[in-house]
Amino acid sequence: MILSQSPSSQPPEDDILSVLQNELAEVERSLKEVSLLLEQSRVEVGKLTQRNAAVTAHLQQINHQIGSVPPEDVKRAYDSALDAQQRLFVMRSQLEKLQNDQLHFERQKKLIEQLKAMLEQGDLNKPSKGGRSALESLEMLINAQEAERQRLARQMHDGPAQALSNFILQTEIALKLLDIEPEKARAELNSLKISAFNTFQKVRNFISELRPMMLDDLGVVPTIRRYVEMYKEQTGADINMTFSGQERRLESYIEVMIFRALQELLAVAVHQNQASSIKIQLDFGDSWVKLSVDDNGKGFDTDGLETDKNLGLKLIKERVQMVGGTFAMDSAPGMGSRISLNIPISA
């Protein structure tokens, strides 16, 4: 979807409105499907929870009578308990993903409805607080989303997609060994199970990066702590965090803005600046909240913010300015960097 052209060939507003209407219809359809699946999954999780409780209770009874119960019954009880726990774990993960999807579609629907209203009122070409028109901001947002989709696609290709190819190969090996060397086949299947579990954890990490449920349930501070710990494990970077002021829940869009900014700033520090040491500071004031990230990396030319390479930083700056905040960068090649944003908040 192209929303900006040369000044002499601006797209007709009716065409943009038609595209937004089609997007809205598609989002509403997806939201309806996800909501239906979510309700079905909640029912299934309830059933599996009851089954898991019953199987666990039965296993406890067997443990109390372990001397008088045949070994095959003990093994069957443990297998049933393990199967029930695994099924419940998978369904709860599926439920969490659907909840994330539902929230994503609801936010997307709200955004499209707001854009439609702005277009119908002729406000898309009026400059915002950051100096850009809403149309220009929308184009930048779409470009940023496309860049994020490309990043996730590369991660999925290099991670879970590659692992699934290995699963197929391991399964074929196990099938060939099943009749001639059962023990080797069992070893291959055990290895496959471990690989599948590790891949499942990676997929959960991808989902968490897209929208961690903690952000809605517990707020931005616990979510940042959890995310930074996970990021340290993944990258090996030395990251130190400090919090000051009165920690509290903020408006939902402010918490999302801070979390997304932190994700981008960490990615810039580790992957672009190749930093080995990073300091994060989150300060809560009476009427503002400030996030700053310092690193000891190779730094960059701050005049190059308008390049495609720094699209994420451009988007952070635009979002901050649109809510009346300030965005500052202090960096130079070979000198590390310090990026901070100050966002006004209600009392």
Protein backbone atom coordinates (compact mmCIF):
# COMPACT_ATOMS: atom_id res chain seq x y z
CA MET A 1 0.00 0.00 0.00
CA ILE A 2 1.68 3.25 -1.18
CA LEU A 3 0.49 6.36 0.59
CA SER A 4 2.91 9.01 -0.66
CA GLN A 5 3.90 10.02 -4.14
CA SER A 6 5.53 13.03 -5.72
CA PRO A 7 3.90 16.42 -4.91
CA SER A 8 2.47 16.56 -8.42
CA SER A 9 0.79 13.15 -8.16
CA GLN A 10 -0.72 12.88 -4.68
CA PRO A 11 -3.03 9.85 -4.40
CA PRO A 12 -6.74 10.75 -4.41
CA GLU A 13 -8.22 10.70 -0.92
CA ASP A 14 -11.04 8.47 -2.16
CA ASP A 15 -8.49 5.82 -3.17
CA ILE A 16 -6.84 5.92 0.26
CA LEU A 17 -10.24 5.76 1.93
CA SER A 18 -11.13 2.71 -0.17
CA VAL A 19 -7.86 0.98 0.83
CA LEU A 20 -8.51 1.75 4.51
CA GLN A 21 -12.07 0.41 4.23
CA ASN A 22 -10.79 -2.84 2.74
CA GLU A 23 -8.10 -3.09 5.44
CA LEU A 24 -10.73 -2.49 8.11
CA ALA A 25 -12.98 -5.22 6.72
CA GLU A 26 -10.07 -7.67 6.67
CA VAL A 27 -9.05 -6.80 10.23
CA GLU A 28 -12.65 -7.17 11.46
CA ARG A 29 -12.88 -10.59 9.78
CA SER A 30 -9.60 -11.71 11.37
CA LEU A 31 -10.68 -10.35 14.75
CA LYS A 32 -13.93 -12.31 14.58
CA GLU A 33 -12.09 -15.55 13.73
CA VAL A 34 -9.53 -15.07 16.49
CA SER A 35 -12.24 -14.24 19.05
CA LEU A 36 -14.08 -17.47 18.16
CA LEU A 37 -10.89 -19.55 18.41
CA LEU A 38 -10.06 -17.83 21.69
CA GLU A 39 -13.40 -18.80 23.21
CA GLN A 40 -12.98 -22.40 22.04
CA SER A 41 -9.44 -22.52 23.43
CA ARG A 42 -10.61 -21.22 26.82
CA VAL A 43 -13.13 -24.06 27.00
CA GLU A 44 -10.46 -26.60 26.01
CA VAL A 45 -8.00 -25.23 28.59
CA GLY A 46 -10.70 -25.59 31.24
CA LYS A 47 -11.27 -29.24 30.30
CA LEU A 48 -7.54 -29.99 30.22
CA THR A 49 -7.06 -28.31 33.58
CA GLN A 50 -9.72 -30.58 35.12
CA ARG A 51 -8.18 -33.63 33.46
CA ASN A 52 -4.71 -32.68 34.67
CA ALA A 53 -6.01 -32.30 38.22
CA ALA A 54 -7.72 -35.71 38.08
CA VAL A 55 -4.64 -37.45 36.64
CA THR A 56 -2.39 -35.79 39.22
CA ALA A 57 -4.67 -36.91 42.04
CA HIS A 58 -4.63 -40.47 40.68
CA LEU A 59 -0.83 -40.38 40.48
CA GLN A 60 -0.62 -39.26 44.10
CA GLN A 61 -2.80 -42.21 45.14
CA ILE A 62 -0.52 -44.60 43.28
CA ASN A 63 2.54 -43.08 44.96
CA HIS A 64 1.00 -43.81 48.36
CA GLN A 65 0.43 -47.43 47.31
CA ILE A 66 3.58 -47.86 45.22
CA GLY A 67 4.46 -51.22 46.76
CA SER A 68 1.15 -52.88 45.87
CA VAL A 69 0.61 -51.44 42.39
CA PRO A 70 1.91 -53.36 39.34
CA PRO A 71 4.85 -51.63 37.56
CA GLU A 72 2.90 -51.33 34.32
CA ASP A 73 0.12 -49.43 36.13
CA VAL A 74 2.69 -47.08 37.67
CA LYS A 75 4.24 -46.44 34.26
CA ARG A 76 0.81 -45.88 32.72
CA ALA A 77 -0.09 -43.36 35.44
CA TYR A 78 3.13 -41.41 34.97
CA ASP A 79 2.72 -41.39 31.18
CA SER A 80 -0.86 -40.13 31.55
CA ALA A 81 0.27 -37.37 33.93
CA LEU A 82 3.05 -36.30 31.57
CA ASP A 83 0.72 -36.32 28.58
CA ALA A 84 -1.89 -34.25 30.44
CA GLN A 85 0.71 -31.69 31.52
CA GLN A 86 2.15 -31.37 28.02
CA ARG A 87 -1.28 -30.95 26.45
CA LEU A 88 -2.20 -28.30 29.01
CA PHE A 89 1.10 -26.50 28.46
CA VAL A 90 0.60 -26.43 24.68
CA MET A 91 -3.02 -25.23 24.96
CA ARG A 92 -2.11 -22.50 27.42
CA SER A 93 0.58 -21.31 25.01
CA GLN A 94 -1.97 -21.38 22.20
CA LEU A 95 -4.37 -19.39 24.37
CA GLU A 96 -1.67 -16.80 25.08
CA LYS A 97 -0.93 -16.46 21.36
CA LEU A 98 -4.61 -15.99 20.53
CA GLN A 99 -4.93 -13.34 23.24
CA ASN A 100 -1.97 -11.53 21.69
CA ASP A 101 -3.56 -11.81 18.24
CA GLN A 102 -6.88 -10.49 19.51
CA LEU A 103 -5.21 -7.50 21.17
CA HIS A 104 -3.18 -6.81 18.02
CA PHE A 105 -6.26 -6.84 15.76
CA GLU A 106 -8.23 -4.66 18.20
CA ARG A 107 -5.46 -2.06 18.19
CA GLN A 108 -5.11 -2.27 14.42
CA LYS A 109 -8.86 -1.80 14.01
CA LYS A 110 -8.81 1.25 16.27
CA LEU A 111 -5.90 2.78 14.34
CA ILE A 112 -7.59 2.27 10.95
CA GLU A 113 -10.85 3.77 12.26
CA GLN A 114 -8.94 6.82 13.51
CA LEU A 115 -7.17 7.21 10.16
CA LYS A 116 -10.48 6.96 8.32
CA ALA A 117 -11.98 9.65 10.53
CA MET A 118 -8.96 11.91 9.96
CA LEU A 119 -9.17 11.38 6.21
CA GLU A 120 -12.90 12.09 6.10
CA GLN A 121 -12.32 15.29 8.06
CA GLY A 122 -9.42 16.33 5.81
CA ASP A 123 -6.83 16.19 8.63
CA LEU A 124 -4.31 13.82 7.07
CA ASN A 125 -2.23 16.57 5.46
CA LYS A 126 -2.17 18.85 8.50
CA PRO A 127 1.19 18.88 10.31
CA SER A 128 1.39 17.12 13.67
CA LYS A 129 3.43 18.17 16.69
CA GLY A 130 6.50 16.55 15.14
CA GLY A 131 6.23 18.65 11.98
CA ARG A 132 5.01 15.82 9.73
CA SER A 133 1.54 15.38 8.35
CA ALA A 134 -0.48 12.40 9.52
CA LEU A 135 -0.15 10.98 6.00
CA GLU A 136 3.66 11.12 6.19
CA SER A 137 3.58 9.58 9.68
CA LEU A 138 1.34 6.80 8.42
CA GLU A 139 3.74 6.02 5.56
CA MET A 140 6.67 5.88 8.00
CA LEU A 141 4.68 3.61 10.30
CA ILE A 142 3.89 1.23 7.44
CA ASN A 143 7.56 1.17 6.36
CA ALA A 144 8.61 0.40 9.93
CA GLN A 145 6.06 -2.42 10.13
CA GLU A 146 7.38 -3.89 6.87
CA ALA A 147 10.95 -3.73 8.19
CA GLU A 148 9.83 -5.51 11.37
CA ARG A 149 8.04 -8.19 9.33
CA GLN A 150 11.23 -8.76 7.33
CA ARG A 151 13.26 -9.09 10.53
CA LEU A 152 10.82 -11.62 12.00
CA ALA A 153 10.72 -13.52 8.71
CA ARG A 154 14.52 -13.85 8.77
CA GLN A 155 14.44 -15.00 12.39
CA MET A 156 11.73 -17.58 11.67
CA HIS A 157 13.66 -18.84 8.62
CA ASP A 158 16.97 -19.14 10.48
CA GLY A 159 15.41 -20.56 13.66
CA PRO A 160 12.14 -22.55 13.77
CA ALA A 161 11.91 -23.11 10.01
CA GLN A 162 15.39 -24.64 9.91
CA ALA A 163 14.62 -26.67 13.02
CA LEU A 164 11.45 -28.07 11.44
CA SER A 165 13.52 -29.23 8.46
CA ASN A 166 15.79 -31.07 10.89
CA PHE A 167 12.71 -32.59 12.58
CA ILE A 168 11.64 -34.12 9.27
CA LEU A 169 15.11 -35.58 8.72
CA GLN A 170 15.28 -36.99 12.28
CA THR A 171 11.81 -38.51 11.90
CA GLU A 172 12.81 -40.26 8.67
CA ILE A 173 15.93 -41.66 10.38
CA ALA A 174 13.89 -42.89 13.35
CA LEU A 175 11.36 -44.59 11.05
CA LYS A 176 14.14 -46.45 9.19
CA LEU A 177 15.72 -47.57 12.47
CA LEU A 178 12.46 -48.55 14.15
CA ASP A 179 12.41 -52.14 12.87
CA ILE A 180 16.13 -52.90 12.67
CA GLU A 181 17.57 -50.98 15.67
CA PRO A 182 14.80 -49.97 18.10
CA GLU A 183 17.18 -48.53 20.69
CA LYS A 184 18.77 -46.15 18.18
CA ALA A 185 15.28 -45.22 16.99
CA ARG A 186 14.30 -44.44 20.61
CA ALA A 187 17.42 -42.25 20.98
CA GLU A 188 16.57 -40.36 17.80
CA LEU A 189 12.99 -39.78 19.01
CA ASN A 190 14.22 -38.51 22.38
CA SER A 191 16.58 -36.13 20.59
CA LEU A 192 13.70 -35.02 18.40
CA LYS A 193 11.54 -34.33 21.45
CA ILE A 194 14.25 -32.16 23.04
CA SER A 195 14.75 -30.24 19.78
CA ALA A 196 11.01 -29.69 19.44
CA PHE A 197 10.79 -28.32 22.97
CA ASN A 198 13.71 -25.92 22.37
CA THR A 199 12.14 -24.72 19.13
CA PHE A 200 8.82 -24.23 20.91
CA GLN A 201 10.59 -21.98 23.43
CA LYS A 202 12.07 -19.93 20.57
CA VAL A 203 8.63 -19.50 19.05
CA ARG A 204 7.31 -18.34 22.42
CA ASN A 205 10.15 -15.79 22.56
CA PHE A 206 9.12 -14.47 19.14
CA ILE A 207 5.53 -14.13 20.36
CA SER A 208 6.73 -12.39 23.50
CA GLU A 209 8.72 -9.90 21.41
CA LEU A 210 5.62 -9.12 19.38
CA ARG A 211 3.46 -8.45 22.43
CA PRO A 212 4.38 -9.66 25.94
CA MET A 213 1.27 -10.35 28.05
CA MET A 214 3.13 -9.02 31.10
CA LEU A 215 2.85 -5.52 29.67
CA ASP A 216 -0.92 -5.57 30.07
CA ASP A 217 -0.98 -7.54 33.31
CA LEU A 218 1.93 -6.11 35.34
CA GLY A 219 3.08 -2.95 33.57
CA VAL A 220 6.19 -1.64 31.88
CA VAL A 221 8.77 -2.05 34.69
CA PRO A 222 8.36 -5.84 35.28
CA THR A 223 8.12 -6.34 31.51
CA ILE A 224 11.36 -4.46 30.89
CA ARG A 225 13.12 -6.45 33.62
CA ARG A 226 11.97 -9.73 32.10
CA TYR A 227 12.80 -8.67 28.55
CA VAL A 228 16.29 -7.45 29.44
CA GLU A 229 17.10 -10.71 31.24
CA MET A 230 15.97 -12.67 28.18
CA TYR A 231 17.94 -10.35 25.88
CA LYS A 232 21.09 -10.77 27.96
CA GLU A 233 20.82 -14.55 27.65
CA GLN A 234 20.32 -14.34 23.88
CA THR A 235 23.11 -11.86 23.09
CA GLY A 236 25.60 -12.17 25.97
CA ALA A 237 25.71 -8.37 26.32
CA ASP A 238 26.45 -6.80 29.71
CA ILE A 239 23.27 -4.81 30.44
CA ASN A 240 22.67 -2.88 33.67
CA MET A 241 19.30 -1.37 34.60
CA THR A 242 18.38 1.29 37.13
CA PHE A 243 14.96 2.64 38.02
CA SER A 244 14.24 5.81 39.96
CA GLY A 245 11.17 7.72 41.09
CA GLN A 246 7.80 6.27 42.00
CA GLU A 247 7.22 3.21 39.83
CA ARG A 248 3.58 3.01 38.76
CA ARG A 249 1.26 1.96 35.95
CA LEU A 250 1.00 4.39 33.05
CA GLU A 251 -1.45 4.85 30.21
CA SER A 252 -1.41 1.76 28.00
CA TYR A 253 -0.10 3.59 24.92
CA ILE A 254 2.72 5.16 26.98
CA GLU A 255 3.80 1.75 28.32
CA VAL A 256 3.75 0.31 24.79
CA MET A 257 5.76 3.28 23.51
CA ILE A 258 8.42 2.88 26.21
CA PHE A 259 8.71 -0.88 25.70
CA ARG A 260 8.95 -0.64 21.90
CA ALA A 261 11.53 2.14 22.25
CA LEU A 262 13.62 -0.02 24.58
CA GLN A 263 13.46 -2.95 22.14
CA GLU A 264 14.70 -0.76 19.30
CA LEU A 265 17.40 0.98 21.36
CA LEU A 266 18.80 -2.33 22.58
CA ALA A 267 18.86 -3.65 19.01
CA VAL A 268 20.70 -0.51 17.86
CA ALA A 269 23.23 -0.80 20.71
CA VAL A 270 23.98 -4.52 20.21
CA HIS A 271 23.60 -5.10 16.48
CA GLN A 272 24.37 -1.71 14.94
CA ASN A 273 26.81 -0.23 17.46
CA GLN A 274 28.21 -3.66 18.46
CA ALA A 275 28.28 -2.59 22.11
CA SER A 276 29.46 -4.94 24.85
CA SER A 277 28.20 -2.82 27.77
CA ILE A 278 24.83 -1.07 27.99
CA LYS A 279 23.22 1.02 30.73
CA ILE A 280 19.46 1.53 30.91
CA GLN A 281 17.87 4.23 33.08
CA LEU A 282 14.12 4.64 33.56
CA ASP A 283 13.08 7.66 35.66
CA PHE A 284 9.54 8.32 36.85
CA GLY A 285 8.71 11.96 37.57
CA ASP A 286 5.46 13.56 38.67
CA SER A 287 4.50 14.59 35.15
CA TRP A 288 7.00 12.80 32.93
CA VAL A 289 8.89 9.56 32.41
CA LYS A 290 12.38 9.39 30.92
CA LEU A 291 14.12 6.45 29.27
CA SER A 292 17.83 6.62 28.41
CA VAL A 293 20.15 3.99 26.95
CA ASP A 294 23.96 4.40 27.00
CA ASP A 295 26.36 2.03 25.24
CA ASN A 296 30.11 1.70 24.65
CA GLY A 297 29.73 0.70 20.99
CA LYS A 298 31.21 2.12 17.83
CA GLY A 299 28.65 4.94 17.70
CA PHE A 300 27.19 6.58 14.61
CA ASP A 301 26.69 9.91 12.88
CA THR A 302 23.52 11.44 14.30
CA ASP A 303 23.04 13.43 11.07
CA GLY A 304 22.26 10.11 9.37
CA LEU A 305 18.99 9.60 11.23
CA GLU A 306 17.01 10.11 8.04
CA THR A 307 18.50 7.01 6.38
CA ASP A 308 16.55 3.77 5.98
CA LYS A 309 19.07 2.06 8.29
CA ASN A 310 17.74 4.11 11.21
CA LEU A 311 14.04 3.77 10.40
CA GLY A 312 13.35 2.47 13.91
CA LEU A 313 14.94 5.52 15.54
CA LYS A 314 12.97 7.81 13.23
CA LEU A 315 9.76 6.13 14.29
CA ILE A 316 10.60 6.47 18.00
CA LYS A 317 11.35 10.17 17.54
CA GLU A 318 8.08 10.69 15.66
CA ARG A 319 6.00 8.89 18.27
CA VAL A 320 7.59 10.79 21.14
CA GLN A 321 7.11 14.16 19.46
CA MET A 322 3.49 13.36 18.60
CA VAL A 323 2.66 13.09 22.32
CA GLY A 324 4.57 16.28 23.15
CA GLY A 325 7.79 14.64 24.34
CA THR A 326 11.45 15.13 23.46
CA PHE A 327 13.97 12.81 21.81
CA ALA A 328 17.75 13.32 22.06
CA MET A 329 20.79 11.53 20.65
CA ASP A 330 24.44 12.03 21.58
CA SER A 331 26.81 9.90 19.53
CA ALA A 332 29.77 10.02 17.17
CA PRO A 333 31.75 7.34 15.33
CA GLY A 334 33.99 5.52 17.79
CA MET A 335 32.50 7.28 20.83
CA GLY A 336 29.55 5.10 21.85
CA SER A 337 26.06 6.58 22.06
CA ARG A 338 23.43 7.91 24.44
CA ILE A 339 19.79 8.05 23.35
CA SER A 340 17.05 9.36 25.60
CA LEU A 341 13.38 10.17 25.37
CA ASN A 342 11.24 12.20 27.76
CA ILE A 343 7.48 11.60 27.66
CA PRO A 344 4.84 13.70 29.47
CA ILE A 345 2.40 11.69 31.57
CA SER A 346 -0.69 12.48 33.59
CA ALA A 347 -0.42 12.69 37.37
